[in-house]
N, C-alpha and C. Protein backbone atom coordinates (compact mmCIF):
# COMPACT_ATOMS: atom_id res chain seq x y z
N MET A 1 54.98 -28.97 -6.48
CA MET A 1 56.03 -28.19 -5.87
C MET A 1 57.42 -28.73 -6.22
N ALA A 2 57.48 -30.00 -6.56
CA ALA A 2 58.78 -30.60 -6.86
C ALA A 2 59.45 -29.97 -8.07
N MET A 3 58.66 -29.32 -8.93
CA MET A 3 59.23 -28.73 -10.13
C MET A 3 59.86 -27.36 -9.86
N LEU A 4 59.56 -26.77 -8.72
CA LEU A 4 60.15 -25.48 -8.37
C LEU A 4 61.56 -25.69 -7.84
N THR A 5 62.48 -24.86 -8.30
CA THR A 5 63.81 -24.88 -7.70
C THR A 5 63.70 -24.28 -6.30
N ASP A 6 64.70 -24.52 -5.47
CA ASP A 6 64.70 -23.93 -4.13
C ASP A 6 64.60 -22.41 -4.22
N GLU A 7 65.34 -21.83 -5.14
CA GLU A 7 65.33 -20.37 -5.30
C GLU A 7 63.94 -19.86 -5.70
N MET A 8 63.30 -20.55 -6.63
CA MET A 8 61.96 -20.15 -7.06
C MET A 8 60.95 -20.29 -5.93
N LEU A 9 61.08 -21.35 -5.14
CA LEU A 9 60.19 -21.56 -4.01
C LEU A 9 60.33 -20.44 -2.99
N LEU A 10 61.56 -20.10 -2.64
CA LEU A 10 61.77 -19.03 -1.67
C LEU A 10 61.28 -17.69 -2.21
N GLU A 11 61.54 -17.41 -3.47
CA GLU A 11 61.07 -16.16 -4.07
C GLU A 11 59.55 -16.11 -4.08
N SER A 12 58.91 -17.23 -4.37
CA SER A 12 57.45 -17.29 -4.36
C SER A 12 56.91 -17.01 -2.96
N TYR A 13 57.56 -17.59 -1.97
CA TYR A 13 57.15 -17.36 -0.58
C TYR A 13 57.28 -15.89 -0.20
N TYR A 14 58.43 -15.28 -0.51
CA TYR A 14 58.63 -13.87 -0.17
C TYR A 14 57.62 -12.98 -0.89
N MET A 15 57.37 -13.25 -2.16
CA MET A 15 56.41 -12.44 -2.91
C MET A 15 54.99 -12.62 -2.37
N ALA A 16 54.64 -13.85 -2.05
CA ALA A 16 53.30 -14.13 -1.53
C ALA A 16 53.06 -13.41 -0.20
N THR A 17 54.07 -13.41 0.67
CA THR A 17 53.90 -12.72 1.95
C THR A 17 53.87 -11.21 1.74
N GLU A 18 54.70 -10.71 0.84
CA GLU A 18 54.73 -9.27 0.57
C GLU A 18 53.41 -8.78 -0.02
N LEU A 19 52.79 -9.61 -0.85
CA LEU A 19 51.53 -9.24 -1.49
C LEU A 19 50.30 -9.63 -0.67
N ASN A 20 50.54 -10.17 0.52
CA ASN A 20 49.45 -10.60 1.41
C ASN A 20 48.48 -11.55 0.71
N LEU A 21 49.03 -12.54 0.03
CA LEU A 21 48.20 -13.53 -0.64
C LEU A 21 47.56 -14.45 0.40
N ASP A 22 46.70 -15.32 -0.06
CA ASP A 22 45.96 -16.23 0.81
C ASP A 22 46.89 -16.97 1.78
N ARG A 23 46.50 -16.98 3.06
CA ARG A 23 47.34 -17.60 4.09
C ARG A 23 47.52 -19.10 3.86
N GLU A 24 46.53 -19.76 3.30
CA GLU A 24 46.66 -21.19 3.02
C GLU A 24 47.71 -21.44 1.94
N PHE A 25 47.76 -20.57 0.94
CA PHE A 25 48.78 -20.69 -0.11
C PHE A 25 50.17 -20.48 0.49
N ILE A 26 50.30 -19.46 1.34
CA ILE A 26 51.58 -19.19 1.99
C ILE A 26 51.97 -20.36 2.87
N ALA A 27 51.00 -20.94 3.56
CA ALA A 27 51.28 -22.10 4.42
C ALA A 27 51.79 -23.29 3.60
N LEU A 28 51.23 -23.49 2.40
CA LEU A 28 51.71 -24.56 1.52
C LEU A 28 53.15 -24.33 1.11
N LEU A 29 53.46 -23.09 0.74
CA LEU A 29 54.84 -22.76 0.37
C LEU A 29 55.78 -22.98 1.55
N LEU A 30 55.37 -22.52 2.72
CA LEU A 30 56.22 -22.65 3.90
C LEU A 30 56.41 -24.12 4.29
N ALA A 31 55.37 -24.91 4.14
CA ALA A 31 55.49 -26.35 4.44
C ALA A 31 56.52 -27.00 3.52
N GLU A 32 56.50 -26.61 2.25
CA GLU A 32 57.48 -27.17 1.30
C GLU A 32 58.88 -26.67 1.63
N ILE A 33 59.00 -25.42 2.05
CA ILE A 33 60.31 -24.88 2.46
C ILE A 33 60.85 -25.69 3.63
N HIS A 34 60.00 -25.98 4.59
CA HIS A 34 60.43 -26.78 5.74
C HIS A 34 60.76 -28.22 5.33
N ARG A 35 59.95 -28.78 4.42
CA ARG A 35 60.20 -30.15 3.95
C ARG A 35 61.57 -30.26 3.30
N ARG A 36 61.95 -29.22 2.57
CA ARG A 36 63.26 -29.19 1.91
C ARG A 36 64.38 -28.74 2.85
N GLU A 37 64.01 -28.41 4.07
CA GLU A 37 64.96 -27.95 5.08
C GLU A 37 65.70 -26.69 4.64
N LEU A 38 64.95 -25.78 4.02
CA LEU A 38 65.50 -24.48 3.62
C LEU A 38 65.24 -23.49 4.74
N ASN A 39 66.01 -22.43 4.76
CA ASN A 39 65.83 -21.39 5.76
C ASN A 39 65.35 -20.12 5.09
N THR A 40 64.40 -19.45 5.74
CA THR A 40 64.01 -18.12 5.28
C THR A 40 64.91 -17.13 5.99
N SER A 41 65.40 -16.16 5.27
CA SER A 41 66.36 -15.22 5.86
C SER A 41 65.75 -14.38 6.96
N ASP A 42 64.43 -14.15 6.89
CA ASP A 42 63.80 -13.34 7.94
C ASP A 42 63.36 -14.19 9.13
N GLY A 43 63.44 -15.50 8.99
CA GLY A 43 63.10 -16.40 10.08
C GLY A 43 61.63 -16.44 10.42
N SER A 44 60.78 -15.90 9.56
CA SER A 44 59.35 -15.85 9.87
C SER A 44 58.73 -17.24 9.77
N ILE A 45 57.75 -17.46 10.63
CA ILE A 45 57.00 -18.71 10.62
C ILE A 45 55.52 -18.35 10.64
N LEU A 46 54.78 -18.93 9.74
CA LEU A 46 53.35 -18.67 9.67
C LEU A 46 52.65 -19.48 10.74
N HIS A 47 51.84 -18.83 11.55
CA HIS A 47 51.08 -19.52 12.60
C HIS A 47 49.62 -19.57 12.22
């Protein structure tokens, strides 16, 4: 994940949620977003 830019990470997250990809994959993306202290514009949190 370290090789992804912040922009690429956020875009990957938005596309993954839009395409209803595997929840574990989305959770990994979201965990990295939180680790980098980035904000999602929709404020969604995967439970």
